[in-house]
Structure formats: structure tokens, C-alpha cells
Amino acid sequence: MGGGQLLRHLTPVRAGNRSHAWIALGLTAASAGLIATGVARPVDIHLGDWGTPGLSTVVALCLSWSLLVATTWVAAHLSARAWHLVNTLAATGLTVVLAHPLIMWMLLRYPQPDWVVCALGLVIPAGAGLLAYRTPLSQWVTGAPQTPRATRSW
């Protein structure tokens, strides 16, 4: 709870906030060092491995906040087309989160290379989400309202 409050106060409000960028860079470097030296073990939620008690959670929070700072900066520099693409892909993210375990479970029943299972566990739900995003089923499948197909001006 205290970590969430700390992150709420450090949330980047403006993309050009350089002090947050330096803090994020420092936290990323410190977190990477703790993971590389083995002091903080990685977290694997699927297997129920929460890493080093307490420390791995703090490292995960620091890395998450650093990614938030980086994406805030990147989002401020995107073109309108790139912004639309990112929003479309993000809207289908819930489909990937909810459907990938089912796809992976079905694929793991047969001998497959791990990279095939991983790739199809991402591509199949993402494709289903992208297809549903333009239909009336969008709200149910992706969690986002249906978006009309954009008309091209060229």
C-alpha cells in the first residue's frame, strides 16, 4: 500500500519532467543490478514464484514506474498515425491477457517448441481482439467500445 502511494506521488504528469527521467534511469539501473547479482530473484507469477520476499516486489514496482516514465515520454513524441496504432493495439490487450492461458494450455498438450507456444499464445488472442475491435462484440471481447473504421483522407 505504501509503495502504491509513493508511485502515485512520483507519477509523471508532464512528458518533459527531466527529474523523473533521471530518477527512473537510476531506479532501472539499481533494479537491473539487484537482479543481475542475484540479490533480487525474478518474479514468475505463473509458477507462483514471488522471488526474494519484499525486495522483488519493490524491484518490480521500480521497473514498472520507470516504464511508465518512458512510455509517457514516447507517447508525447508519437505522430497521429502511430498514436492510433498504439491505442488500437492497447485496446486489444485485455483479450491477450484473458485468452493466452487457454491457447497455451491447448498448445502444451502436444509437443511443441516453447517459442511456438509463446508466439501463438500472443498472436492468436491479439488477432481475435483486433478482429473483434471493429465489431459490436468489441465491448465483450476486448473491453473497449467498438470503434468505427477510420476513413482515409488520401
N, C-alpha and C. Protein backbone atom coordinates (compact mmCIF):
# COMPACT_ATOMS: atom_id res chain seq x y z
N MET A 1 0.82 -1.18 0.00
CA MET A 1 0.00 0.00 0.00
C MET A 1 0.88 1.26 0.00
N GLY A 2 1.93 1.24 0.78
CA GLY A 2 2.82 2.39 0.84
C GLY A 2 3.54 2.60 -0.49
N GLY A 3 3.89 1.48 -1.17
CA GLY A 3 4.54 1.59 -2.48
C GLY A 3 3.62 2.24 -3.49
N GLY A 4 2.34 1.89 -3.44
CA GLY A 4 1.37 2.50 -4.36
C GLY A 4 1.23 3.98 -4.13
N GLN A 5 1.23 4.40 -2.86
CA GLN A 5 1.15 5.82 -2.54
C GLN A 5 2.40 6.55 -3.03
N LEU A 6 3.55 5.94 -2.85
CA LEU A 6 4.80 6.54 -3.32
C LEU A 6 4.77 6.71 -4.84
N LEU A 7 4.34 5.66 -5.54
CA LEU A 7 4.28 5.74 -7.00
C LEU A 7 3.26 6.77 -7.47
N ARG A 8 2.16 6.93 -6.73
CA ARG A 8 1.16 7.93 -7.10
C ARG A 8 1.76 9.33 -7.04
N HIS A 9 2.63 9.59 -6.06
CA HIS A 9 3.24 10.92 -5.95
C HIS A 9 4.35 11.12 -6.98
N LEU A 10 4.93 10.03 -7.46
CA LEU A 10 6.01 10.15 -8.44
C LEU A 10 5.53 10.00 -9.87
N THR A 11 4.23 9.81 -10.08
CA THR A 11 3.71 9.62 -11.43
C THR A 11 4.01 10.83 -12.29
N PRO A 12 4.58 10.61 -13.47
CA PRO A 12 4.92 11.75 -14.33
C PRO A 12 3.67 12.43 -14.87
N VAL A 13 3.55 13.71 -14.57
CA VAL A 13 2.41 14.48 -15.04
C VAL A 13 2.70 15.06 -16.41
N ARG A 14 3.91 15.50 -16.59
CA ARG A 14 4.31 16.08 -17.87
C ARG A 14 5.39 15.21 -18.49
N ALA A 15 5.34 15.10 -19.82
CA ALA A 15 6.32 14.26 -20.52
C ALA A 15 7.72 14.84 -20.42
N GLY A 16 7.85 16.13 -20.23
CA GLY A 16 9.16 16.75 -20.20
C GLY A 16 9.79 16.86 -18.83
N ASN A 17 9.29 16.16 -17.85
CA ASN A 17 9.80 16.24 -16.50
C ASN A 17 11.12 15.48 -16.40
N ARG A 18 12.23 16.22 -16.48
CA ARG A 18 13.56 15.60 -16.52
C ARG A 18 13.97 14.97 -15.20
N SER A 19 13.50 15.51 -14.08
CA SER A 19 13.89 14.91 -12.79
C SER A 19 13.33 13.50 -12.67
N HIS A 20 12.10 13.30 -13.17
CA HIS A 20 11.54 11.95 -13.14
C HIS A 20 12.31 11.02 -14.06
N ALA A 21 12.80 11.53 -15.17
CA ALA A 21 13.57 10.70 -16.10
C ALA A 21 14.85 10.23 -15.45
N TRP A 22 15.53 11.11 -14.73
CA TRP A 22 16.77 10.71 -14.06
C TRP A 22 16.50 9.74 -12.92
N ILE A 23 15.42 9.95 -12.19
CA ILE A 23 15.06 9.02 -11.12
C ILE A 23 14.74 7.65 -11.73
N ALA A 24 13.99 7.64 -12.83
CA ALA A 24 13.64 6.39 -13.49
C ALA A 24 14.88 5.66 -13.99
N LEU A 25 15.81 6.39 -14.57
CA LEU A 25 17.04 5.78 -15.05
C LEU A 25 17.84 5.17 -13.90
N GLY A 26 17.92 5.89 -12.80
CA GLY A 26 18.63 5.38 -11.62
C GLY A 26 17.95 4.15 -11.04
N LEU A 27 16.62 4.18 -10.94
CA LEU A 27 15.90 3.02 -10.42
C LEU A 27 16.03 1.81 -11.33
N THR A 28 16.03 2.04 -12.64
CA THR A 28 16.21 0.94 -13.59
C THR A 28 17.59 0.33 -13.44
N ALA A 29 18.61 1.17 -13.33
CA ALA A 29 19.98 0.67 -13.17
C ALA A 29 20.13 -0.10 -11.85
N ALA A 30 19.59 0.45 -10.78
CA ALA A 30 19.68 -0.23 -9.48
C ALA A 30 18.92 -1.55 -9.51
N SER A 31 17.75 -1.56 -10.11
CA SER A 31 16.95 -2.79 -10.20
C SER A 31 17.67 -3.84 -11.04
N ALA A 32 18.22 -3.41 -12.17
CA ALA A 32 18.96 -4.34 -13.03
C ALA A 32 20.16 -4.92 -12.29
N GLY A 33 20.82 -4.08 -11.51
CA GLY A 33 21.96 -4.56 -10.73
C GLY A 33 21.56 -5.58 -9.68
N LEU A 34 20.44 -5.33 -9.00
CA LEU A 34 19.96 -6.27 -7.99
C LEU A 34 19.56 -7.61 -8.61
N ILE A 35 18.96 -7.55 -9.81
CA ILE A 35 18.57 -8.79 -10.49
C ILE A 35 19.79 -9.52 -11.03
N ALA A 36 20.73 -8.78 -11.66
CA ALA A 36 21.91 -9.40 -12.26
C ALA A 36 22.81 -10.06 -11.22
N THR A 37 22.90 -9.48 -10.04
CA THR A 37 23.75 -10.06 -9.00
C THR A 37 23.05 -11.17 -8.23
N GLY A 38 21.77 -11.35 -8.47
CA GLY A 38 21.05 -12.42 -7.79
C GLY A 38 20.50 -12.04 -6.43
N VAL A 39 20.67 -10.79 -6.03
CA VAL A 39 20.14 -10.33 -4.74
C VAL A 39 18.62 -10.36 -4.77
N ALA A 40 18.04 -9.88 -5.88
CA ALA A 40 16.58 -9.93 -6.06
C ALA A 40 16.29 -10.95 -7.15
N ARG A 41 15.64 -12.03 -6.77
CA ARG A 41 15.29 -13.05 -7.76
C ARG A 41 14.11 -12.58 -8.60
N PRO A 42 14.05 -13.00 -9.87
CA PRO A 42 12.93 -12.62 -10.73
C PRO A 42 11.61 -13.19 -10.21
N VAL A 43 10.52 -12.52 -10.54
CA VAL A 43 9.18 -12.95 -10.16
C VAL A 43 8.57 -13.73 -11.32
N ASP A 44 8.01 -14.90 -11.03
CA ASP A 44 7.31 -15.70 -12.04
C ASP A 44 5.93 -16.04 -11.49
N ILE A 45 4.96 -15.19 -11.81
CA ILE A 45 3.63 -15.32 -11.23
C ILE A 45 2.96 -16.62 -11.68
N HIS A 46 3.19 -17.04 -12.94
CA HIS A 46 2.55 -18.26 -13.43
C HIS A 46 2.92 -19.47 -12.59
N LEU A 47 4.14 -19.52 -12.10
CA LEU A 47 4.58 -20.65 -11.30
C LEU A 47 4.45 -20.39 -9.80
N GLY A 48 3.93 -19.23 -9.44
CA GLY A 48 3.75 -18.91 -8.04
C GLY A 48 5.06 -18.56 -7.34
N ASP A 49 6.09 -18.18 -8.10
CA ASP A 49 7.38 -17.80 -7.52
C ASP A 49 7.43 -16.28 -7.40
N TRP A 50 7.40 -15.78 -6.18
CA TRP A 50 7.36 -14.34 -5.96
C TRP A 50 8.75 -13.76 -5.73
N GLY A 51 9.79 -14.54 -6.02
CA GLY A 51 11.16 -14.04 -5.92
C GLY A 51 11.61 -13.85 -4.49
N THR A 52 12.52 -12.92 -4.28
CA THR A 52 13.01 -12.59 -2.95
C THR A 52 11.92 -11.85 -2.20
N PRO A 53 11.52 -12.35 -1.03
CA PRO A 53 10.42 -11.70 -0.30
C PRO A 53 10.66 -10.21 -0.09
N GLY A 54 9.67 -9.41 -0.48
CA GLY A 54 9.74 -7.97 -0.29
C GLY A 54 10.56 -7.26 -1.34
N LEU A 55 11.82 -7.67 -1.50
CA LEU A 55 12.73 -6.96 -2.40
C LEU A 55 12.31 -7.11 -3.86
N SER A 56 11.90 -8.30 -4.28
CA SER A 56 11.48 -8.49 -5.67
C SER A 56 10.25 -7.65 -5.99
N THR A 57 9.37 -7.48 -5.02
CA THR A 57 8.19 -6.64 -5.23
C THR A 57 8.59 -5.18 -5.41
N VAL A 58 9.52 -4.71 -4.60
CA VAL A 58 9.99 -3.32 -4.73
C VAL A 58 10.68 -3.13 -6.08
N VAL A 59 11.49 -4.10 -6.49
CA VAL A 59 12.17 -4.01 -7.78
C VAL A 59 11.14 -3.97 -8.91
N ALA A 60 10.10 -4.81 -8.82
CA ALA A 60 9.06 -4.82 -9.85
C ALA A 60 8.33 -3.47 -9.90
N LEU A 61 8.04 -2.88 -8.74
CA LEU A 61 7.39 -1.56 -8.71
C LEU A 61 8.29 -0.49 -9.33
N CYS A 62 9.58 -0.54 -9.02
CA CYS A 62 10.52 0.44 -9.58
C CYS A 62 10.60 0.31 -11.10
N LEU A 63 10.68 -0.92 -11.59
CA LEU A 63 10.75 -1.12 -13.04
C LEU A 63 9.44 -0.71 -13.72
N SER A 64 8.31 -0.99 -13.08
CA SER A 64 7.03 -0.59 -13.65
C SER A 64 6.92 0.92 -13.74
N TRP A 65 7.31 1.62 -12.70
CA TRP A 65 7.25 3.08 -12.71
C TRP A 65 8.20 3.65 -13.77
N SER A 66 9.37 3.05 -13.90
CA SER A 66 10.33 3.51 -14.91
C SER A 66 9.77 3.32 -16.32
N LEU A 67 9.07 2.21 -16.54
CA LEU A 67 8.44 2.01 -17.85
C LEU A 67 7.33 3.03 -18.09
N LEU A 68 6.62 3.40 -17.05
CA LEU A 68 5.59 4.43 -17.17
C LEU A 68 6.21 5.76 -17.58
N VAL A 69 7.33 6.11 -16.99
CA VAL A 69 8.02 7.35 -17.36
C VAL A 69 8.46 7.28 -18.82
N ALA A 70 9.03 6.14 -19.23
CA ALA A 70 9.50 6.00 -20.61
C ALA A 70 8.35 6.07 -21.61
N THR A 71 7.23 5.41 -21.32
CA THR A 71 6.11 5.44 -22.25
C THR A 71 5.45 6.82 -22.30
N THR A 72 5.46 7.54 -21.20
CA THR A 72 4.94 8.91 -21.20
C THR A 72 5.77 9.78 -22.13
N TRP A 73 7.07 9.62 -22.10
CA TRP A 73 7.95 10.39 -22.97
C TRP A 73 7.73 9.99 -24.43
N VAL A 74 7.66 8.68 -24.70
CA VAL A 74 7.48 8.21 -26.07
C VAL A 74 6.13 8.68 -26.61
N ALA A 75 5.07 8.59 -25.81
CA ALA A 75 3.73 8.97 -26.26
C ALA A 75 3.68 10.44 -26.65
N ALA A 76 4.45 11.28 -25.98
CA ALA A 76 4.44 12.71 -26.31
C ALA A 76 5.10 12.99 -27.65
N HIS A 77 5.87 12.03 -28.17
CA HIS A 77 6.60 12.24 -29.41
C HIS A 77 6.05 11.41 -30.58
N LEU A 78 4.88 10.81 -30.43
CA LEU A 78 4.32 9.98 -31.50
C LEU A 78 3.52 10.82 -32.49
N SER A 79 3.54 10.37 -33.74
CA SER A 79 2.69 11.01 -34.75
C SER A 79 1.25 10.55 -34.52
N ALA A 80 0.30 11.19 -35.18
CA ALA A 80 -1.11 10.84 -35.01
C ALA A 80 -1.38 9.41 -35.48
N ARG A 81 -0.75 8.98 -36.57
CA ARG A 81 -0.93 7.61 -37.06
C ARG A 81 -0.37 6.59 -36.08
N ALA A 82 0.82 6.86 -35.57
CA ALA A 82 1.43 5.94 -34.61
C ALA A 82 0.60 5.88 -33.33
N TRP A 83 0.08 7.02 -32.91
CA TRP A 83 -0.77 7.08 -31.71
C TRP A 83 -2.02 6.22 -31.89
N HIS A 84 -2.63 6.29 -33.07
CA HIS A 84 -3.82 5.50 -33.36
C HIS A 84 -3.48 4.00 -33.33
N LEU A 85 -2.34 3.62 -33.90
CA LEU A 85 -1.92 2.22 -33.90
C LEU A 85 -1.68 1.72 -32.47
N VAL A 86 -1.01 2.50 -31.67
CA VAL A 86 -0.74 2.12 -30.28
C VAL A 86 -2.04 1.97 -29.51
N ASN A 87 -2.96 2.89 -29.68
CA ASN A 87 -4.27 2.80 -28.99
C ASN A 87 -5.05 1.56 -29.42
N THR A 88 -5.02 1.24 -30.71
CA THR A 88 -5.73 0.06 -31.20
C THR A 88 -5.13 -1.21 -30.60
N LEU A 89 -3.81 -1.31 -30.60
CA LEU A 89 -3.16 -2.49 -30.03
C LEU A 89 -3.39 -2.58 -28.52
N ALA A 90 -3.37 -1.45 -27.85
CA ALA A 90 -3.60 -1.45 -26.40
C ALA A 90 -5.02 -1.86 -26.06
N ALA A 91 -5.98 -1.48 -26.90
CA ALA A 91 -7.37 -1.82 -26.64
C ALA A 91 -7.61 -3.32 -26.71
N THR A 92 -6.79 -4.03 -27.46
CA THR A 92 -6.94 -5.48 -27.56
C THR A 92 -6.14 -6.23 -26.51
N GLY A 93 -5.44 -5.50 -25.67
CA GLY A 93 -4.58 -6.13 -24.66
C GLY A 93 -5.34 -7.02 -23.69
N LEU A 94 -6.56 -6.64 -23.31
CA LEU A 94 -7.34 -7.46 -22.38
C LEU A 94 -7.64 -8.82 -22.98
N THR A 95 -7.89 -8.88 -24.28
CA THR A 95 -8.13 -10.16 -24.95
C THR A 95 -6.91 -11.06 -24.82
N VAL A 96 -5.73 -10.49 -25.01
CA VAL A 96 -4.50 -11.27 -24.89
C VAL A 96 -4.32 -11.77 -23.46
N VAL A 97 -4.54 -10.90 -22.50
CA VAL A 97 -4.36 -11.29 -21.09
C VAL A 97 -5.31 -12.42 -20.70
N LEU A 98 -6.56 -12.33 -21.14
CA LEU A 98 -7.55 -13.33 -20.73
C LEU A 98 -7.49 -14.62 -21.55
N ALA A 99 -7.10 -14.55 -22.81
CA ALA A 99 -7.16 -15.74 -23.67
C ALA A 99 -5.85 -16.50 -23.78
N HIS A 100 -4.71 -15.87 -23.49
CA HIS A 100 -3.44 -16.58 -23.71
C HIS A 100 -3.29 -17.85 -22.87
N PRO A 101 -3.80 -17.92 -21.63
CA PRO A 101 -3.64 -19.19 -20.90
C PRO A 101 -4.36 -20.35 -21.58
N LEU A 102 -5.54 -20.09 -22.13
CA LEU A 102 -6.28 -21.14 -22.81
C LEU A 102 -5.53 -21.62 -24.05
N ILE A 103 -5.03 -20.68 -24.84
CA ILE A 103 -4.29 -21.03 -26.05
C ILE A 103 -3.03 -21.82 -25.68
N MET A 104 -2.30 -21.35 -24.68
CA MET A 104 -1.08 -22.04 -24.28
C MET A 104 -1.38 -23.43 -23.71
N TRP A 105 -2.44 -23.54 -22.95
CA TRP A 105 -2.83 -24.84 -22.40
C TRP A 105 -3.14 -25.82 -23.53
N MET A 106 -3.88 -25.37 -24.54
CA MET A 106 -4.21 -26.24 -25.66
C MET A 106 -2.95 -26.64 -26.44
N LEU A 107 -2.02 -25.70 -26.63
CA LEU A 107 -0.81 -26.00 -27.39
C LEU A 107 0.16 -26.88 -26.60
N LEU A 108 0.20 -26.74 -25.29
CA LEU A 108 1.13 -27.52 -24.47
C LEU A 108 0.71 -28.98 -24.31
N ARG A 109 -0.48 -29.30 -24.74
CA ARG A 109 -0.93 -30.70 -24.68
C ARG A 109 -0.19 -31.55 -25.71
N TYR A 110 0.44 -30.91 -26.69
CA TYR A 110 1.18 -31.61 -27.74
C TYR A 110 2.61 -31.10 -27.73
N PRO A 111 3.57 -31.94 -28.12
CA PRO A 111 4.98 -31.48 -28.10
C PRO A 111 5.20 -30.34 -29.11
N GLN A 112 5.62 -29.22 -28.60
CA GLN A 112 5.90 -28.04 -29.42
C GLN A 112 7.12 -27.34 -28.84
N PRO A 113 7.88 -26.65 -29.67
CA PRO A 113 8.93 -25.80 -29.12
C PRO A 113 8.31 -24.65 -28.30
N ASP A 114 8.98 -24.24 -27.25
CA ASP A 114 8.45 -23.18 -26.39
C ASP A 114 8.18 -21.89 -27.15
N TRP A 115 9.05 -21.55 -28.12
CA TRP A 115 8.86 -20.30 -28.84
C TRP A 115 7.59 -20.32 -29.67
N VAL A 116 7.18 -21.51 -30.16
CA VAL A 116 5.94 -21.61 -30.94
C VAL A 116 4.75 -21.37 -30.02
N VAL A 117 4.78 -21.98 -28.85
CA VAL A 117 3.70 -21.81 -27.88
C VAL A 117 3.59 -20.35 -27.47
N CYS A 118 4.72 -19.72 -27.20
CA CYS A 118 4.72 -18.31 -26.79
C CYS A 118 4.19 -17.41 -27.92
N ALA A 119 4.68 -17.63 -29.13
CA ALA A 119 4.26 -16.79 -30.26
C ALA A 119 2.77 -16.95 -30.54
N LEU A 120 2.29 -18.18 -30.60
CA LEU A 120 0.87 -18.39 -30.89
C LEU A 120 -0.01 -17.96 -29.72
N GLY A 121 0.50 -18.07 -28.50
CA GLY A 121 -0.25 -17.60 -27.33
C GLY A 121 -0.44 -16.10 -27.34
N LEU A 122 0.40 -15.38 -28.06
CA LEU A 122 0.26 -13.94 -28.20
C LEU A 122 -0.50 -13.57 -29.47
N VAL A 123 -0.15 -14.19 -30.59
CA VAL A 123 -0.70 -13.80 -31.89
C VAL A 123 -2.18 -14.16 -32.03
N ILE A 124 -2.58 -15.35 -31.59
CA ILE A 124 -3.98 -15.76 -31.76
C ILE A 124 -4.93 -14.85 -30.97
N PRO A 125 -4.70 -14.62 -29.67
CA PRO A 125 -5.61 -13.71 -28.96
C PRO A 125 -5.54 -12.27 -29.48
N ALA A 126 -4.36 -11.81 -29.87
CA ALA A 126 -4.24 -10.45 -30.40
C ALA A 126 -5.01 -10.32 -31.71
N GLY A 127 -4.90 -11.32 -32.57
CA GLY A 127 -5.66 -11.30 -33.82
C GLY A 127 -7.16 -11.32 -33.58
N ALA A 128 -7.59 -12.15 -32.64
CA ALA A 128 -9.02 -12.21 -32.31
C ALA A 128 -9.49 -10.86 -31.76
N GLY A 129 -8.67 -10.25 -30.92
CA GLY A 129 -9.02 -8.95 -30.36
C GLY A 129 -9.10 -7.87 -31.42
N LEU A 130 -8.14 -7.88 -32.37
CA LEU A 130 -8.16 -6.88 -33.45
C LEU A 130 -9.37 -7.06 -34.35
N LEU A 131 -9.73 -8.31 -34.63
CA LEU A 131 -10.92 -8.55 -35.45
C LEU A 131 -12.19 -8.10 -34.72
N ALA A 132 -12.27 -8.40 -33.43
CA ALA A 132 -13.47 -8.06 -32.67
C ALA A 132 -13.57 -6.56 -32.39
N TYR A 133 -12.45 -5.86 -32.42
CA TYR A 133 -12.42 -4.44 -32.07
C TYR A 133 -13.31 -3.59 -32.98
N ARG A 134 -13.53 -4.02 -34.20
CA ARG A 134 -14.34 -3.25 -35.16
C ARG A 134 -15.77 -3.77 -35.25
N THR A 135 -16.15 -4.68 -34.38
CA THR A 135 -17.49 -5.28 -34.44
C THR A 135 -18.29 -4.89 -33.19
N PRO A 136 -19.59 -5.16 -33.20
CA PRO A 136 -20.39 -4.91 -32.00
C PRO A 136 -19.97 -5.76 -30.80
N LEU A 137 -19.21 -6.83 -31.02
CA LEU A 137 -18.73 -7.67 -29.92
C LEU A 137 -17.53 -7.06 -29.20
N SER A 138 -17.04 -5.94 -29.67
CA SER A 138 -15.84 -5.34 -29.11
C SER A 138 -15.90 -5.17 -27.60
N GLN A 139 -16.99 -4.65 -27.09
CA GLN A 139 -17.11 -4.41 -25.65
C GLN A 139 -16.96 -5.71 -24.86
N TRP A 140 -17.47 -6.81 -25.40
CA TRP A 140 -17.42 -8.09 -24.70
C TRP A 140 -16.08 -8.78 -24.85
N VAL A 141 -15.44 -8.65 -26.00
CA VAL A 141 -14.20 -9.38 -26.27
C VAL A 141 -12.98 -8.60 -25.82
N THR A 142 -12.94 -7.29 -26.10
CA THR A 142 -11.75 -6.50 -25.79
C THR A 142 -11.90 -5.63 -24.54
N GLY A 143 -13.13 -5.40 -24.13
CA GLY A 143 -13.36 -4.50 -23.01
C GLY A 143 -13.40 -3.05 -23.43
N ALA A 144 -13.24 -2.79 -24.72
CA ALA A 144 -13.26 -1.42 -25.26
C ALA A 144 -14.45 -1.28 -26.18
N PRO A 145 -15.05 -0.09 -26.24
CA PRO A 145 -16.19 0.11 -27.14
C PRO A 145 -15.77 -0.02 -28.60
N GLN A 146 -16.73 -0.38 -29.45
CA GLN A 146 -16.48 -0.52 -30.87
C GLN A 146 -16.02 0.81 -31.44
N THR A 147 -15.03 0.75 -32.32
CA THR A 147 -14.55 1.96 -32.96
C THR A 147 -14.86 1.87 -34.44
N PRO A 148 -15.45 2.91 -35.00
CA PRO A 148 -15.74 2.88 -36.43
C PRO A 148 -14.44 2.88 -37.24
N ARG A 149 -14.49 2.25 -38.40
CA ARG A 149 -13.32 2.22 -39.26
C ARG A 149 -13.03 3.64 -39.73
N ALA A 150 -11.80 4.05 -39.60
CA ALA A 150 -11.40 5.41 -39.99
C ALA A 150 -11.40 5.53 -41.51
N THR A 151 -11.86 6.66 -41.97
CA THR A 151 -11.82 6.93 -43.42
C THR A 151 -10.50 7.56 -43.76
N ARG A 152 -9.94 7.15 -44.84
CA ARG A 152 -8.64 7.68 -45.23
C ARG A 152 -8.84 8.96 -46.03
N SER A 153 -7.98 9.92 -45.78
CA SER A 153 -8.11 11.21 -46.46
C SER A 153 -7.21 11.29 -47.68
N TRP A 154 -6.51 10.22 -48.00
CA TRP A 154 -5.61 10.30 -49.16
C TRP A 154 -6.04 9.41 -50.24
